[in-house]
Amino acid sequence: MGRKRTQREFEEQALVHIDALYAFAARLCRNERDAEDLVQETLLRAYRFFDHYEEGTHCKAWLFKILHNNFINRYRRRQRDFALYGALLPNEGAGATVSHQAAEAAHDPERAIFSEFLSVDVQRALDALPEEFRTTVILSDLEELSYREIADVTEVPIGTVMSRLYRGRRLLQVALRRYAIEQGVIKEADVIPLRRGIT
């Protein structure tokens, strides 16, 4: 552990990244209130452990790692809570006191549209990516972290980061190409087929 850091240092080094943290949280949670809670939780934890931050390293990447870990822990807690809730619901008889729609909403919260960050079409395609690809693409292409920083945030090898980034970008390319054809922006005959069986 390094020297005791001041509140001013935290404000100067960490709080300047609050917009980036919120953008990342919003893309992960796809729910405005959850994103705000996640950022608040992240900042409180970062402040508590700011003495452990290695001065001179990329503070934004350190904060993103805390946020990503908090997101994963929240997701696991939510899955456990949902499983427990499902076990408590009666299978027969009078039925549940909570509607099926409410239970589904608890499992998959309604997505918010963050058009200020990305166009609606790109955001929709990004949201459709599996979580590990979506996180990697966001950290690389939107937050401009290095492969090593992404590996540290997501706790996977650099080779896995590179593979996920390649596959995530390809999936985005396919999704956006299909949308462009459907909307008549481009003609299918003008599209060069993608290799490796991705259509």
C-alpha atoms as a PDB file:
ATOM      1  CA  MET A   1       0.000   0.000   0.000  1.00  0.00           C
ATOM      2  CA  GLY A   2       1.339   3.453  -0.902  1.00  0.00           C
ATOM      3  CA  ARG A   3       1.124   6.727   0.944  1.00  0.00           C
ATOM      4  CA  LYS A   4      -2.177   8.099   2.225  1.00  0.00           C
ATOM      5  CA  ARG A   5      -3.902   9.942  -0.595  1.00  0.00           C
ATOM      6  CA  THR A   6      -5.980  13.090  -0.173  1.00  0.00           C
ATOM      7  CA  GLN A   7      -9.551  13.756  -1.209  1.00  0.00           C
ATOM      8  CA  ARG A   8      -8.261  16.401  -3.617  1.00  0.00           C
ATOM      9  CA  GLU A   9      -6.040  13.841  -5.362  1.00  0.00           C
ATOM     10  CA  PHE A  10      -9.033  11.536  -5.732  1.00  0.00           C
ATOM     11  CA  GLU A  11     -11.082  14.340  -7.249  1.00  0.00           C
ATOM     12  CA  GLU A  12      -8.294  15.308  -9.653  1.00  0.00           C
ATOM     13  CA  GLN A  13      -7.348  11.787 -10.750  1.00  0.00           C
ATOM     14  CA  ALA A  14     -10.550   9.757 -10.444  1.00  0.00           C
ATOM     15  CA  LEU A  15     -13.591  12.024 -10.611  1.00  0.00           C
ATOM     16  CA  VAL A  16     -12.506  13.430 -13.972  1.00  0.00           C
ATOM     17  CA  HIS A  17     -13.507  10.032 -15.430  1.00  0.00           C
ATOM     18  CA  ILE A  18     -17.074  10.075 -14.107  1.00  0.00           C
ATOM     19  CA  ASP A  19     -18.633  10.619 -17.564  1.00  0.00           C
ATOM     20  CA  ALA A  20     -16.655   7.720 -19.023  1.00  0.00           C
ATOM     21  CA  LEU A  21     -17.651   5.538 -16.067  1.00  0.00           C
ATOM     22  CA  TYR A  22     -21.313   6.371 -16.561  1.00  0.00           C
ATOM     23  CA  ALA A  23     -21.117   5.690 -20.309  1.00  0.00           C
ATOM     24  CA  PHE A  24     -19.510   2.293 -19.648  1.00  0.00           C
ATOM     25  CA  ALA A  25     -22.019   1.454 -16.918  1.00  0.00           C
ATOM     26  CA  ALA A  26     -24.941   2.482 -19.133  1.00  0.00           C
ATOM     27  CA  ARG A  27     -23.777   0.207 -21.920  1.00  0.00           C
ATOM     28  CA  LEU A  28     -23.274  -2.691 -19.527  1.00  0.00           C
ATOM     29  CA  CYS A  29     -26.508  -2.285 -17.546  1.00  0.00           C
ATOM     30  CA  ARG A  30     -28.735  -0.966 -20.348  1.00  0.00           C
ATOM     31  CA  ASN A  31     -30.772   0.650 -17.580  1.00  0.00           C
ATOM     32  CA  GLU A  32     -30.269   4.256 -16.459  1.00  0.00           C
ATOM     33  CA  ARG A  33     -30.986   3.765 -12.761  1.00  0.00           C
ATOM     34  CA  ASP A  34     -28.810   0.643 -12.526  1.00  0.00           C
ATOM     35  CA  ALA A  35     -25.997   2.503 -14.297  1.00  0.00           C
ATOM     36  CA  GLU A  36     -26.176   5.399 -11.838  1.00  0.00           C
ATOM     37  CA  ASP A  37     -26.142   3.006  -8.871  1.00  0.00           C
ATOM     38  CA  LEU A  38     -23.212   1.097 -10.352  1.00  0.00           C
ATOM     39  CA  VAL A  39     -21.166   4.280 -10.845  1.00  0.00           C
ATOM     40  CA  GLN A  40     -21.907   5.448  -7.297  1.00  0.00           C
ATOM     41  CA  GLU A  41     -20.922   2.067  -5.891  1.00  0.00           C
ATOM     42  CA  THR A  42     -17.753   2.101  -8.004  1.00  0.00           C
ATOM     43  CA  LEU A  43     -16.694   5.568  -6.861  1.00  0.00           C
ATOM     44  CA  LEU A  44     -17.304   4.731  -3.205  1.00  0.00           C
ATOM     45  CA  ARG A  45     -15.197   1.597  -3.521  1.00  0.00           C
ATOM     46  CA  ALA A  46     -12.491   3.439  -5.466  1.00  0.00           C
ATOM     47  CA  TYR A  47     -12.322   6.154  -2.807  1.00  0.00           C
ATOM     48  CA  ARG A  48     -12.117   3.567  -0.059  1.00  0.00           C
ATOM     49  CA  PHE A  49      -9.207   1.797  -1.768  1.00  0.00           C
ATOM     50  CA  PHE A  50      -7.550   4.806  -3.418  1.00  0.00           C
ATOM     51  CA  ASP A  51      -4.399   4.237  -1.350  1.00  0.00           C
ATOM     52  CA  HIS A  52      -3.984   0.970  -3.311  1.00  0.00           C
ATOM     53  CA  TYR A  53      -4.056   2.746  -6.674  1.00  0.00           C
ATOM     54  CA  GLU A  54      -0.600   2.685  -8.244  1.00  0.00           C
ATOM     55  CA  GLU A  55       0.198   6.303  -9.019  1.00  0.00           C
ATOM     56  CA  GLY A  56       1.273   6.912 -12.604  1.00  0.00           C
ATOM     57  CA  THR A  57      -0.807   4.065 -14.049  1.00  0.00           C
ATOM     58  CA  HIS A  58      -3.998   4.532 -16.075  1.00  0.00           C
ATOM     59  CA  CYS A  59      -6.585   5.603 -13.487  1.00  0.00           C
ATOM     60  CA  LYS A  60      -9.509   5.178 -15.892  1.00  0.00           C
ATOM     61  CA  ALA A  61      -8.563   1.543 -16.517  1.00  0.00           C
ATOM     62  CA  TRP A  62      -8.299   0.985 -12.735  1.00  0.00           C
ATOM     63  CA  LEU A  63     -11.769   2.495 -12.242  1.00  0.00           C
ATOM     64  CA  PHE A  64     -13.197   0.439 -15.114  1.00  0.00           C
ATOM     65  CA  LYS A  65     -11.863  -2.726 -13.497  1.00  0.00           C
ATOM     66  CA  ILE A  66     -13.648  -1.871 -10.244  1.00  0.00           C
ATOM     67  CA  LEU A  67     -16.852  -1.052 -12.150  1.00  0.00           C
ATOM     68  CA  HIS A  68     -16.685  -4.256 -14.217  1.00  0.00           C
ATOM     69  CA  ASN A  69     -16.120  -6.391 -11.102  1.00  0.00           C
ATOM     70  CA  ASN A  70     -19.040  -4.673  -9.369  1.00  0.00           C
ATOM     71  CA  PHE A  71     -21.216  -5.298 -12.433  1.00  0.00           C
ATOM     72  CA  ILE A  72     -20.337  -9.009 -12.480  1.00  0.00           C
ATOM     73  CA  ASN A  73     -21.002  -9.319  -8.738  1.00  0.00           C
ATOM     74  CA  ARG A  74     -24.355  -7.517  -9.100  1.00  0.00           C
ATOM     75  CA  TYR A  75     -25.322  -9.792 -11.995  1.00  0.00           C
ATOM     76  CA  ARG A  76     -24.508 -12.896  -9.955  1.00  0.00           C
ATOM     77  CA  ARG A  77     -26.474 -11.589  -6.980  1.00  0.00           C
ATOM     78  CA  ARG A  78     -29.425 -10.795  -9.224  1.00  0.00           C
ATOM     79  CA  GLN A  79     -29.317 -14.288 -10.742  1.00  0.00           C
ATOM     80  CA  ARG A  80     -29.293 -15.846  -7.255  1.00  0.00           C
ATOM     81  CA  ASP A  81     -32.144 -13.607  -6.115  1.00  0.00           C
ATOM     82  CA  PHE A  82     -34.155 -14.459  -9.217  1.00  0.00           C
ATOM     83  CA  ALA A  83     -33.558 -18.184  -8.709  1.00  0.00           C
ATOM     84  CA  LEU A  84     -34.683 -17.877  -5.078  1.00  0.00           C
ATOM     85  CA  TYR A  85     -37.722 -15.857  -6.125  1.00  0.00           C
ATOM     86  CA  GLY A  86     -38.613 -18.520  -8.715  1.00  0.00           C
ATOM     87  CA  ALA A  87     -38.310 -21.253  -6.100  1.00  0.00           C
ATOM     88  CA  LEU A  88     -40.760 -19.404  -3.831  1.00  0.00           C
ATOM     89  CA  LEU A  89     -43.432 -19.023  -6.513  1.00  0.00           C
ATOM     90  CA  PRO A  90     -46.272 -21.560  -6.241  1.00  0.00           C
ATOM     91  CA  ASN A  91     -46.428 -24.038  -9.097  1.00  0.00           C
ATOM     92  CA  GLU A  92     -50.165 -24.504  -8.947  1.00  0.00           C
ATOM     93  CA  GLY A  93     -53.307 -23.153  -7.337  1.00  0.00           C
ATOM     94  CA  ALA A  94     -53.993 -19.463  -6.850  1.00  0.00           C
ATOM     95  CA  GLY A  95     -50.834 -18.487  -8.711  1.00  0.00           C
ATOM     96  CA  ALA A  96     -48.136 -15.972  -7.961  1.00  0.00           C
ATOM     97  CA  THR A  97     -48.789 -12.625  -6.352  1.00  0.00           C
ATOM     98  CA  VAL A  98     -46.474 -11.037  -8.927  1.00  0.00           C
ATOM     99  CA  SER A  99     -47.341 -11.066 -12.613  1.00  0.00           C
ATOM    100  CA  HIS A 100     -45.263 -12.941 -15.171  1.00  0.00           C
ATOM    101  CA  GLN A 101     -44.410  -9.593 -16.795  1.00  0.00           C
ATOM    102  CA  ALA A 102     -43.077  -8.221 -13.503  1.00  0.00           C
ATOM    103  CA  ALA A 103     -40.943 -11.308 -12.974  1.00  0.00           C
ATOM    104  CA  GLU A 104     -39.542 -10.987 -16.486  1.00  0.00           C
ATOM    105  CA  ALA A 105     -38.780  -7.311 -15.876  1.00  0.00           C
ATOM    106  CA  ALA A 106     -36.863  -8.220 -12.735  1.00  0.00           C
ATOM    107  CA  HIS A 107     -34.831 -10.765 -14.710  1.00  0.00           C
ATOM    108  CA  ASP A 108     -34.202  -8.549 -17.748  1.00  0.00           C
ATOM    109  CA  PRO A 109     -34.723  -4.837 -16.906  1.00  0.00           C
ATOM    110  CA  GLU A 110     -36.123  -2.591 -19.586  1.00  0.00           C
ATOM    111  CA  ARG A 111     -33.340  -1.133 -21.711  1.00  0.00           C
ATOM    112  CA  ALA A 112     -32.843   2.613 -21.915  1.00  0.00           C
ATOM    113  CA  ILE A 113     -31.769   4.267 -25.153  1.00  0.00           C
ATOM    114  CA  PHE A 114     -28.581   6.267 -24.793  1.00  0.00           C
ATOM    115  CA  SER A 115     -28.633   8.102 -28.106  1.00  0.00           C
ATOM    116  CA  GLU A 116     -26.209  10.708 -26.802  1.00  0.00           C
ATOM    117  CA  PHE A 117     -23.468   8.077 -26.858  1.00  0.00           C
ATOM    118  CA  LEU A 118     -24.161   6.167 -30.064  1.00  0.00           C
ATOM    119  CA  SER A 119     -26.659   6.165 -32.889  1.00  0.00           C
ATOM    120  CA  VAL A 120     -29.718   4.043 -32.135  1.00  0.00           C
ATOM    121  CA  ASP A 121     -28.810   1.480 -34.789  1.00  0.00           C
ATOM    122  CA  VAL A 122     -25.243   1.011 -33.588  1.00  0.00           C
ATOM    123  CA  GLN A 123     -26.421   0.868 -29.969  1.00  0.00           C
ATOM    124  CA  ARG A 124     -28.984  -1.787 -30.886  1.00  0.00           C
ATOM    125  CA  ALA A 125     -26.340  -3.875 -32.641  1.00  0.00           C
ATOM    126  CA  LEU A 126     -23.949  -3.412 -29.720  1.00  0.00           C
ATOM    127  CA  ASP A 127     -26.617  -4.417 -27.198  1.00  0.00           C
ATOM    128  CA  ALA A 128     -27.233  -7.625 -29.146  1.00  0.00           C
ATOM    129  CA  LEU A 129     -23.628  -8.776 -28.733  1.00  0.00           C
ATOM    130  CA  PRO A 130     -22.866 -11.383 -26.067  1.00  0.00           C
ATOM    131  CA  GLU A 131     -21.667  -9.625 -22.908  1.00  0.00           C
ATOM    132  CA  GLU A 132     -17.994 -10.599 -23.200  1.00  0.00           C
ATOM    133  CA  PHE A 133     -17.786  -9.285 -26.787  1.00  0.00           C
ATOM    134  CA  ARG A 134     -19.789  -6.138 -25.977  1.00  0.00           C
ATOM    135  CA  THR A 135     -17.561  -5.257 -23.014  1.00  0.00           C
ATOM    136  CA  THR A 136     -14.372  -5.762 -25.037  1.00  0.00           C
ATOM    137  CA  VAL A 137     -15.589  -3.690 -27.994  1.00  0.00           C
ATOM    138  CA  ILE A 138     -16.728  -0.880 -25.678  1.00  0.00           C
ATOM    139  CA  LEU A 139     -13.423  -0.785 -23.812  1.00  0.00           C
ATOM    140  CA  SER A 140     -11.371  -0.827 -27.008  1.00  0.00           C
ATOM    141  CA  ASP A 141     -13.307   1.160 -29.583  1.00  0.00           C
ATOM    142  CA  LEU A 142     -15.223   3.592 -27.384  1.00  0.00           C
ATOM    143  CA  GLU A 143     -12.993   3.992 -24.335  1.00  0.00           C
ATOM    144  CA  GLU A 144      -9.707   3.446 -26.216  1.00  0.00           C
ATOM    145  CA  LEU A 145      -8.059   1.184 -23.642  1.00  0.00           C
ATOM    146  CA  SER A 146      -5.055  -0.893 -24.709  1.00  0.00           C
ATOM    147  CA  TYR A 147      -5.203  -4.691 -25.017  1.00  0.00           C
ATOM    148  CA  ARG A 148      -3.255  -4.985 -21.765  1.00  0.00           C
ATOM    149  CA  GLU A 149      -5.626  -2.621 -19.931  1.00  0.00           C
ATOM    150  CA  ILE A 150      -8.680  -4.494 -21.243  1.00  0.00           C
ATOM    151  CA  ALA A 151      -7.101  -7.782 -20.143  1.00  0.00           C
ATOM    152  CA  ASP A 152      -6.627  -6.314 -16.671  1.00  0.00           C
ATOM    153  CA  VAL A 153     -10.192  -4.955 -16.489  1.00  0.00           C
ATOM    154  CA  THR A 154     -11.819  -8.187 -17.663  1.00  0.00           C
ATOM    155  CA  GLU A 155      -9.249 -10.519 -16.072  1.00  0.00           C
ATOM    156  CA  VAL A 156      -8.589 -12.571 -19.214  1.00  0.00           C
ATOM    157  CA  PRO A 157      -5.368 -13.116 -21.250  1.00  0.00           C
ATOM    158  CA  ILE A 158      -4.449 -10.581 -23.936  1.00  0.00           C
ATOM    159  CA  GLY A 159      -4.959 -13.253 -26.611  1.00  0.00           C
ATOM    160  CA  THR A 160      -8.549 -13.687 -25.430  1.00  0.00           C
ATOM    161  CA  VAL A 161      -9.062  -9.910 -25.587  1.00  0.00           C
ATOM    162  CA  MET A 162      -7.818  -9.845 -29.191  1.00  0.00           C
ATOM    163  CA  SER A 163     -10.044 -12.778 -30.151  1.00  0.00           C
ATOM    164  CA  ARG A 164     -13.133 -11.257 -28.505  1.00  0.00           C
ATOM    165  CA  LEU A 165     -12.475  -7.902 -30.110  1.00  0.00           C
ATOM    166  CA  TYR A 166     -12.131  -9.458 -33.563  1.00  0.00           C
ATOM    167  CA  ARG A 167     -15.284 -11.555 -33.185  1.00  0.00           C
ATOM    168  CA  GLY A 168     -17.261  -8.702 -31.613  1.00  0.00           C
ATOM    169  CA  ARG A 169     -16.349  -6.325 -34.439  1.00  0.00           C
ATOM    170  CA  ARG A 170     -17.285  -8.949 -37.032  1.00  0.00           C
ATOM    171  CA  LEU A 171     -20.665  -9.532 -35.406  1.00  0.00           C
ATOM    172  CA  LEU A 172     -21.290  -5.783 -35.354  1.00  0.00           C
ATOM    173  CA  GLN A 173     -20.297  -5.539 -39.006  1.00  0.00           C
ATOM    174  CA  VAL A 174     -22.756  -8.289 -39.932  1.00  0.00           C
ATOM    175  CA  ALA A 175     -25.604  -6.766 -37.898  1.00  0.00           C
ATOM    176  CA  LEU A 176     -25.109  -3.271 -39.307  1.00  0.00           C
ATOM    177  CA  ARG A 177     -24.728  -4.567 -42.852  1.00  0.00           C
ATOM    178  CA  ARG A 178     -28.032  -6.433 -42.594  1.00  0.00           C
ATOM    179  CA  TYR A 179     -29.736  -3.344 -41.203  1.00  0.00           C
ATOM    180  CA  ALA A 180     -28.319  -1.176 -44.003  1.00  0.00           C
ATOM    181  CA  ILE A 181     -29.663  -3.624 -46.602  1.00  0.00           C
ATOM    182  CA  GLU A 182     -33.089  -3.783 -44.912  1.00  0.00           C
ATOM    183  CA  GLN A 183     -33.314   0.028 -44.831  1.00  0.00           C
ATOM    184  CA  GLY A 184     -32.222   0.367 -48.452  1.00  0.00           C
ATOM    185  CA  VAL A 185     -29.068   2.274 -47.556  1.00  0.00           C
ATOM    186  CA  ILE A 186     -27.060  -0.206 -49.605  1.00  0.00           C
ATOM    187  CA  LYS A 187     -28.073  -2.874 -52.108  1.00  0.00           C
ATOM    188  CA  GLU A 188     -27.378  -6.508 -51.329  1.00  0.00           C
ATOM    189  CA  ALA A 189     -25.755  -6.935 -54.748  1.00  0.00           C
ATOM    190  CA  ASP A 190     -23.186  -4.252 -53.835  1.00  0.00           C
ATOM    191  CA  VAL A 191     -22.102  -5.985 -50.629  1.00  0.00           C
ATOM    192  CA  ILE A 192     -18.822  -7.870 -50.671  1.00  0.00           C
ATOM    193  CA  PRO A 193     -19.390 -11.218 -48.884  1.00  0.00           C
ATOM    194  CA  LEU A 194     -17.561 -11.652 -45.587  1.00  0.00           C
ATOM    195  CA  ARG A 195     -15.101 -14.497 -45.330  1.00  0.00           C
ATOM    196  CA  ARG A 196     -15.013 -17.392 -42.848  1.00  0.00           C
ATOM    197  CA  GLY A 197     -18.676 -18.205 -43.252  1.00  0.00           C
ATOM    198  CA  ILE A 198     -20.000 -15.014 -41.624  1.00  0.00           C
ATOM    199  CA  THR A 199     -22.945 -13.693 -43.642  1.00  0.00           C
END
